[in-house]
Protein backbone atom coordinates (compact mmCIF):
# COMPACT_ATOMS: atom_id res chain seq x y z
CA UNK A 1 -11.05 20.18 -1.31
CA UNK A 2 -11.87 19.56 2.18
CA UNK A 3 -13.80 17.05 4.38
CA UNK A 4 -15.04 18.60 7.51
CA UNK A 5 -17.33 15.69 8.72
CA UNK A 6 -14.63 14.66 11.13
CA UNK A 7 -13.96 10.67 12.17
CA UNK A 8 -12.78 9.30 15.35
CA UNK A 9 -8.78 10.20 15.30
CA UNK A 10 -8.91 12.28 12.38
CA UNK A 11 -10.09 15.97 12.15
CA UNK A 12 -9.86 18.81 9.43
CA UNK A 13 -9.12 16.60 6.64
CA UNK A 14 -7.94 18.81 3.32
CA UNK A 15 -6.53 17.86 0.10
CA UNK A 16 -4.98 20.74 -1.76
CA UNK A 17 -3.13 20.74 -5.32
CA UNK A 18 0.58 20.60 -5.31
CA UNK A 19 3.05 22.65 -7.87
CA UNK A 20 3.39 19.53 -10.14
CA UNK A 21 1.09 17.67 -12.43
CA UNK A 22 -0.96 15.37 -10.38
CA UNK A 23 0.69 16.09 -7.27
CA UNK A 24 -1.56 16.73 -3.87
CA UNK A 25 -1.00 17.18 -0.26
CA UNK A 26 -3.31 15.55 1.90
CA UNK A 27 -3.32 16.93 5.62
CA UNK A 28 -5.41 16.47 8.99
CA UNK A 29 -5.28 16.97 12.68
CA UNK A 30 -4.95 13.05 13.87
CA UNK A 31 -4.97 11.55 17.24
CA UNK A 32 -3.47 8.51 17.39
CA UNK A 33 -3.09 6.68 20.68
CA UNK A 34 -3.74 9.81 22.49
CA UNK A 35 -1.39 11.84 20.80
CA UNK A 36 -2.10 15.12 18.46
CA UNK A 37 -0.08 14.73 15.02
CA UNK A 38 -0.58 17.29 12.37
CA UNK A 39 -0.58 15.02 9.59
CA UNK A 40 0.85 15.61 6.22
CA UNK A 41 1.12 12.86 3.45
CA UNK A 42 1.85 13.28 -0.16
CA UNK A 43 -0.13 11.93 -2.92
CA UNK A 44 0.24 11.50 -6.92
CA UNK A 45 -2.44 11.04 -9.41
CA UNK A 46 -2.81 10.43 -12.93
CA UNK A 47 -6.28 10.83 -15.08
CA UNK A 48 -9.16 12.73 -14.65
CA UNK A 49 -12.01 12.23 -12.56
CA UNK A 50 -15.13 11.98 -14.48
CA UNK A 51 -18.26 14.05 -13.90
CA UNK A 52 -19.70 11.19 -11.87
CA UNK A 53 -16.67 10.77 -9.89
CA UNK A 54 -17.08 6.85 -9.84
CA UNK A 55 -13.80 6.21 -11.83
CA UNK A 56 -11.26 6.79 -8.79
CA UNK A 57 -8.82 3.75 -8.14
CA UNK A 58 -6.56 4.16 -5.07
CA UNK A 59 -3.20 2.23 -5.43
CA UNK A 60 -1.31 1.56 -2.35
CA UNK A 61 2.51 1.53 -2.38
CA UNK A 62 4.75 -1.03 -0.99
CA UNK A 63 7.05 -1.32 2.01
CA UNK A 64 9.91 1.08 0.41
CA UNK A 65 7.98 2.52 -2.07
CA UNK A 66 6.36 6.31 -2.53
CA UNK A 67 3.48 7.92 -4.11
CA UNK A 68 5.35 7.61 -7.55
CA UNK A 69 3.37 4.26 -9.03
CA UNK A 70 3.78 5.70 -12.27
CA UNK A 71 5.37 8.61 -13.98
CA UNK A 72 9.32 8.63 -13.40
CA UNK A 73 11.27 8.94 -10.29
CA UNK A 74 14.22 11.87 -10.04
CA UNK A 75 16.64 9.19 -11.43
CA UNK A 76 14.91 8.91 -14.56
CA UNK A 77 13.52 5.19 -13.65
CA UNK A 78 9.95 4.36 -14.11
CA UNK A 79 7.63 4.56 -11.36
CA UNK A 80 7.10 1.19 -9.60
CA UNK A 81 3.86 0.25 -11.29
CA UNK A 82 4.53 2.11 -14.24
CA UNK A 83 3.83 -0.78 -16.44
CA UNK A 84 0.32 -1.08 -15.33
CA UNK A 85 -0.52 2.59 -14.38
CA UNK A 86 -0.79 4.78 -17.80
CA UNK A 87 -2.92 5.08 -21.16
CA UNK A 88 -4.41 2.15 -22.47
CA UNK A 89 -2.47 -0.23 -19.58
CA UNK A 90 -4.33 -2.26 -17.13
CA UNK A 91 -5.08 0.79 -14.95
CA UNK A 92 -5.74 2.98 -17.79
CA UNK A 93 -5.50 6.69 -17.14
CA UNK A 94 -7.79 7.43 -20.09
CA UNK A 95 -10.48 6.10 -18.13
CA UNK A 96 -9.77 5.84 -14.73
CA UNK A 97 -8.34 8.80 -12.26
CA UNK A 98 -5.78 6.57 -10.24
CA UNK A 99 -4.19 7.84 -6.98
CA UNK A 100 -1.19 6.87 -4.82
CA UNK A 101 -1.24 8.52 -1.00
CA UNK A 102 2.00 7.82 0.91
CA UNK A 103 1.86 6.07 4.40
CA UNK A 104 2.99 7.69 7.46
CA UNK A 105 6.57 6.83 8.10
CA UNK A 106 7.24 6.50 4.45
CA UNK A 107 10.62 4.98 4.01
CA UNK A 108 11.75 7.49 1.40
CA UNK A 109 11.51 10.26 3.90
CA UNK A 110 14.50 12.33 2.91
CA UNK A 111 13.55 12.67 -0.45
CA UNK A 112 12.73 15.99 -1.21
CA UNK A 113 9.36 15.36 -3.18
CA UNK A 114 7.79 13.06 -0.59
CA UNK A 115 5.99 14.47 1.73
CA UNK A 116 5.01 12.00 5.30
CA UNK A 117 4.79 12.47 8.85
CA UNK A 118 6.39 9.70 10.80
CA UNK A 119 9.15 9.24 13.90
CA UNK A 120 11.97 10.85 11.74
CA UNK A 121 10.08 14.13 10.94
CA UNK A 122 10.12 17.46 12.31
CA UNK A 123 7.89 17.53 15.55
CA UNK A 124 5.95 20.82 16.18
CA UNK A 125 8.31 21.63 18.92
CA UNK A 126 11.43 21.76 16.33
CA UNK A 127 12.90 18.68 17.02
CA UNK A 128 12.07 15.17 15.58
CA UNK A 129 9.18 13.11 16.48
CA UNK A 130 11.34 10.14 17.84
CA UNK A 131 9.83 7.87 19.87
CA UNK A 132 7.09 10.54 20.87
CA UNK A 133 5.40 9.16 17.36
CA UNK A 134 2.51 7.05 18.35
CA UNK A 135 2.02 3.61 17.16
CA UNK A 136 -0.71 4.12 14.26
CA UNK A 137 -2.56 1.24 13.04
CA UNK A 138 -4.05 -0.02 9.70
CA UNK A 139 -7.09 1.10 10.91
CA UNK A 140 -5.56 5.05 11.35
CA UNK A 141 -4.40 4.49 7.64
CA UNK A 142 -7.61 3.22 6.27
CA UNK A 143 -9.02 6.05 8.21
CA UNK A 144 -6.79 8.96 6.31
CA UNK A 145 -7.29 6.95 2.86
CA UNK A 146 -11.29 7.22 3.47
CA UNK A 147 -10.64 11.21 4.23
CA UNK A 148 -8.79 11.53 1.38
CA UNK A 149 -11.51 9.53 -0.83
CA UNK A 150 -14.10 11.87 0.75
CA UNK A 151 -11.92 15.08 -0.08
CA UNK A 152 -11.98 13.98 -3.78
CA UNK A 153 -15.86 14.12 -3.27
CA UNK A 154 -15.89 10.20 -4.17
CA UNK A 155 -18.75 8.14 -2.89
CA UNK A 156 -16.71 5.07 -3.16
CA UNK A 157 -13.56 3.85 -4.98
CA UNK A 158 -14.01 2.24 -8.27
CA UNK A 159 -11.09 -0.31 -7.21
CA UNK A 160 -8.49 -0.29 -4.55
CA UNK A 161 -5.24 -2.40 -5.28
CA UNK A 162 -1.51 -2.74 -4.49
CA UNK A 163 1.46 -4.94 -3.95
CA UNK A 164 3.09 -6.09 -1.00
CA UNK A 165 2.10 -3.66 1.55
CA UNK A 166 0.06 -2.10 -0.83
CA UNK A 167 -1.58 -5.52 -0.90
CA UNK A 168 -2.38 -5.60 2.72
CA UNK A 169 -3.76 -1.98 2.96
CA UNK A 170 -6.18 -3.20 -0.23
CA UNK A 171 -7.12 -6.09 1.74
CA UNK A 172 -7.77 -3.90 4.96
CA UNK A 173 -9.91 -1.78 2.71
CA UNK A 174 -11.90 -5.29 1.72
CA UNK A 175 -12.41 -6.36 5.46
CA UNK A 176 -13.40 -2.62 7.27
CA UNK A 177 -15.80 -1.12 4.29
CA UNK A 178 -16.18 -3.60 1.18
CA UNK A 179 -19.26 -1.33 0.61
CA UNK A 180 -16.85 1.30 -0.52
CA UNK A 181 -14.14 -0.69 -2.44
CA UNK A 182 -16.18 -2.98 -4.62
CA UNK A 183 -13.31 -4.32 -6.60
CA UNK A 184 -9.93 -5.31 -4.58
CA UNK A 185 -6.73 -6.62 -6.00
CA UNK A 186 -3.93 -7.50 -3.50
CA UNK A 187 -0.81 -8.62 -5.04
CA UNK A 188 2.06 -10.47 -3.21
CA UNK A 189 0.13 -10.30 0.10
CA UNK A 190 -1.28 -12.51 3.12
CA UNK A 191 -4.56 -12.58 5.02
CA UNK A 192 -2.35 -12.66 8.03
CA UNK A 193 1.61 -12.17 8.62
CA UNK A 194 3.01 -15.60 9.09
CA UNK A 195 6.22 -16.96 10.20
CA UNK A 196 8.63 -15.85 7.57
CA UNK A 197 7.81 -12.02 8.80
CA UNK A 198 6.61 -12.46 12.06
CA UNK A 199 9.39 -15.23 13.26
CA UNK A 200 12.48 -14.59 10.76
CA UNK A 201 12.45 -10.89 8.94
CA UNK A 202 11.09 -8.90 11.79
CA UNK A 203 13.32 -10.42 14.71
CA UNK A 204 16.11 -10.14 12.20
CA UNK A 205 15.64 -6.51 11.33
CA UNK A 206 15.33 -5.44 15.04
CA UNK A 207 18.50 -7.22 15.82
CA UNK A 208 20.83 -6.04 13.13
CA UNK A 209 19.56 -2.02 12.94
CA UNK A 210 21.06 -0.87 16.11
CA UNK A 211 24.75 -1.89 15.11
CA UNK A 212 24.38 -2.16 11.25
CA UNK A 213 22.30 0.96 10.97
CA UNK A 214 20.32 1.70 7.37
CA UNK A 215 23.05 -0.05 5.48
CA UNK A 216 22.37 -3.63 7.26
CA UNK A 217 18.59 -2.83 7.23
CA UNK A 218 18.25 -2.53 3.50
CA UNK A 219 20.86 -5.60 2.74
CA UNK A 220 18.19 -7.63 4.90
CA UNK A 221 15.55 -5.80 2.80
CA UNK A 222 16.94 -6.51 -0.52
CA UNK A 223 17.77 -10.24 0.46
CA UNK A 224 14.35 -10.70 1.41
CA UNK A 225 12.86 -9.07 -1.20
CA UNK A 226 14.78 -10.57 -4.07
CA UNK A 227 15.96 -13.92 -2.81
CA UNK A 228 19.21 -15.39 -4.48
CA UNK A 229 18.29 -15.41 -7.74
CA UNK A 230 16.95 -12.09 -7.96
CA UNK A 231 19.82 -10.74 -6.29
CA UNK A 232 22.11 -12.76 -8.79
CA UNK A 233 20.16 -11.43 -11.54
CA UNK A 234 20.41 -7.75 -10.66
CA UNK A 235 23.95 -7.98 -8.95
CA UNK A 236 26.03 -10.47 -10.93
CA UNK A 237 27.66 -8.02 -12.91
CA UNK A 238 26.75 -4.76 -11.07
CA UNK A 239 27.56 -3.54 -7.77
CA UNK A 240 25.21 -4.43 -4.60
CA UNK A 241 27.29 -1.77 -2.40
CA UNK A 242 26.56 0.98 -5.02
CA UNK A 243 22.88 0.27 -5.18
CA UNK A 244 22.48 0.37 -1.48
CA UNK A 245 24.53 3.79 -1.11
CA UNK A 246 22.09 5.01 -3.86
CA UNK A 247 19.18 3.70 -1.73
CA UNK A 248 20.62 5.30 1.73
CA UNK A 249 20.40 8.71 0.40
CA UNK A 250 16.66 9.11 0.77
CA UNK A 251 15.76 6.29 3.15
CA UNK A 252 15.14 6.78 7.12
CA UNK A 253 15.78 3.75 9.39
CA UNK A 254 13.18 4.87 11.92
CA UNK A 255 10.67 4.59 9.21
CA UNK A 256 11.95 1.31 8.15
CA UNK A 257 11.41 0.22 11.70
CA UNK A 258 8.21 1.67 12.36
CA UNK A 259 6.46 0.27 8.93
CA UNK A 260 7.99 -3.12 10.16
CA UNK A 261 5.89 -2.76 13.24
CA UNK A 262 2.93 -1.93 11.54
CA UNK A 263 3.16 -4.82 9.15
CA UNK A 264 3.30 -7.16 12.02
CA UNK A 265 -0.23 -6.23 13.03
CA UNK A 266 -1.92 -7.23 9.82
CA UNK A 267 -4.50 -9.71 10.31
CA UNK A 268 -7.89 -9.77 8.66
CA UNK A 269 -9.28 -12.09 11.41
CA UNK A 270 -8.78 -9.33 14.18
CA UNK A 271 -11.31 -7.07 11.94
CA UNK A 272 -13.82 -9.64 11.69
CA UNK A 273 -13.89 -13.50 11.72
CA UNK A 274 -13.46 -15.00 8.53
CA UNK A 275 -16.72 -16.27 8.20
CA UNK A 276 -18.13 -13.09 8.91
CA UNK A 277 -15.73 -11.39 6.35
CA UNK A 278 -16.72 -13.86 3.73
CA UNK A 279 -20.69 -13.16 4.19
CA UNK A 280 -20.23 -9.43 4.05
CA UNK A 281 -18.04 -9.77 0.88
CA UNK A 282 -20.92 -11.83 -0.77
CA UNK A 283 -23.67 -9.33 0.75
CA UNK A 284 -21.54 -6.44 -0.54
CA UNK A 285 -20.88 -8.09 -4.09
CA UNK A 286 -17.41 -7.86 -3.80
CA UNK A 287 -14.96 -8.69 -6.46
CA UNK A 288 -11.53 -9.90 -4.98
CA UNK A 289 -8.41 -10.63 -6.85
CA UNK A 290 -5.43 -11.88 -4.90
CA UNK A 291 -1.96 -12.97 -6.97
CA UNK A 292 1.27 -14.51 -5.24
CA UNK A 293 4.31 -15.20 -6.34
CA UNK A 294 5.06 -18.80 -6.24
CA UNK A 295 8.82 -18.12 -4.39
CA UNK A 296 8.12 -15.18 -2.10
CA UNK A 297 10.24 -15.04 1.33
CA UNK A 298 7.70 -12.19 2.66
CA UNK A 299 4.38 -13.85 1.72
CA UNK A 300 4.33 -17.49 0.94
CA UNK A 301 1.76 -18.26 -1.43
CA UNK A 302 0.26 -20.98 0.42
CA UNK A 303 -1.04 -18.66 2.97
CA UNK A 304 -3.37 -16.69 0.51
CA UNK A 305 -4.09 -19.96 -1.14
CA UNK A 306 -5.62 -21.54 1.45
CA UNK A 307 -7.88 -18.28 2.27
CA UNK A 308 -9.03 -17.89 -1.18
CA UNK A 309 -10.33 -21.54 -1.38
CA UNK A 310 -12.32 -20.74 1.89
CA UNK A 311 -13.21 -17.38 0.40
CA UNK A 312 -14.48 -19.06 -2.82
CA UNK A 313 -16.02 -21.80 -0.92
CA UNK A 314 -18.37 -19.31 0.85
CA UNK A 315 -19.52 -17.66 -2.41
CA UNK A 316 -17.31 -14.57 -2.64
CA UNK A 317 -16.56 -13.42 -6.11
CA UNK A 318 -12.50 -14.59 -5.38
CA UNK A 319 -9.96 -14.90 -8.11
CA UNK A 320 -6.80 -16.25 -7.01
CA UNK A 321 -3.37 -16.63 -9.31
CA UNK A 322 -0.12 -17.97 -8.67
CA UNK A 323 3.06 -17.18 -10.90
CA UNK A 324 6.74 -17.73 -10.63
CA UNK A 325 9.14 -15.03 -10.77
CA UNK A 326 13.20 -14.75 -10.65
CA UNK A 327 12.58 -11.59 -8.79
CA UNK A 328 10.92 -13.39 -5.57
CA UNK A 329 8.75 -11.26 -3.85
CA UNK A 330 9.76 -8.19 -6.08
CA UNK A 331 8.08 -9.99 -9.03
CA UNK A 332 4.81 -7.91 -7.69
CA UNK A 333 6.59 -4.79 -9.11
CA UNK A 334 8.97 -6.17 -11.67
CA UNK A 335 6.63 -8.79 -13.19
CA UNK A 336 3.66 -6.77 -13.73
CA UNK A 337 2.97 -8.52 -16.96
CA UNK A 338 2.29 -11.54 -15.42
CA UNK A 339 -1.07 -10.09 -13.66
CA UNK A 340 -1.69 -7.14 -15.97
CA UNK A 341 -4.86 -9.05 -17.80
CA UNK A 342 -6.51 -10.25 -14.41
CA UNK A 343 -6.12 -6.79 -13.15
CA UNK A 344 -7.97 -5.15 -16.11
CA UNK A 345 -10.54 -7.40 -16.07
CA UNK A 346 -11.15 -6.88 -12.63
CA UNK A 347 -11.40 -3.15 -13.36
CA UNK A 348 -13.69 -3.68 -16.28
CA UNK A 349 -15.91 -6.22 -14.35
CA UNK A 350 -19.29 -4.87 -13.35
CA UNK A 351 -20.79 -4.45 -9.57
CA UNK A 352 -23.59 -4.05 -7.77
CA UNK A 353 -24.88 -0.05 -7.60
CA UNK A 354 -23.49 1.44 -4.39
CA UNK A 355 -25.42 1.46 -1.09
CA UNK A 356 -26.34 3.86 1.02
CA UNK A 357 -23.95 4.04 4.07
CA UNK A 358 -23.48 6.12 6.84
CA UNK A 359 -20.09 8.09 7.05
CA UNK A 360 -17.62 6.07 9.14
């Protein structure tokens, strides 16, 4: 499948089937910050595109996640949203075609099945990109996902959904092209990066990475992600160090830092003022579901709660939910039963017919 329309910063986008069921390779010639990048990103899909091609759901992965939203990992553990993606589940693969695309600089870059292009992957000259890799943006990621959609022959997504970083990506779809994503679900996310990430996690990550390396970075991510209760629940009788050693086998420290840089740039008001966004969402008939965890050390629920109140007051069809989880932030992938029903309802909800829109 090819998309030859070409958009600023992205040319010759193509999608080819991989050698495993549901595996895909997305490729394009990207130009980011003036640097030409031969981009390759792996994807995984479940279900079948219907003849009308109007049942495609884009699921976006979290910070250290991969395209394996469902199915199984090489170690036999289930995909990170396996409780939601599958026959009869909220993202019912007997009804929907669900696809997940790796981000550039995917953290699990050393997993042999994970295809990504980033700071720690080969440069065309035979070395690694390193500091030569350009500072790509959420706009660049949205453009790649849009080219993926077009390469599939899809006019618009049935829905876009994701947890954590995936939720930020879903919100970027709502902000940039709501007419192409009429249903959006953002779990454990925020309209803007607040003090927990900007003032605490990111500075700490940049401080510990040069001396503590990958081990220290993963310890910090795990602590913020799980919180004290989650760490106790997982490792009260197990080895935290053994867990970190296993994760270190596929993770890339340069990619951890590159994704952290990207996350810090997230701000929906930078796409358009909130009042303008709300008016566009009402006009497009967007249905928005936001879900937050009550104790989340990355995205405090209050950040989204205030935004949701303002959005709903402006007439947006915005449902906002909060739930408590012993897993802290990672309740977004470990407590999926808490929001499976509203997610199912969102996907089943009717929306306005697609508008005729020019290619972005």
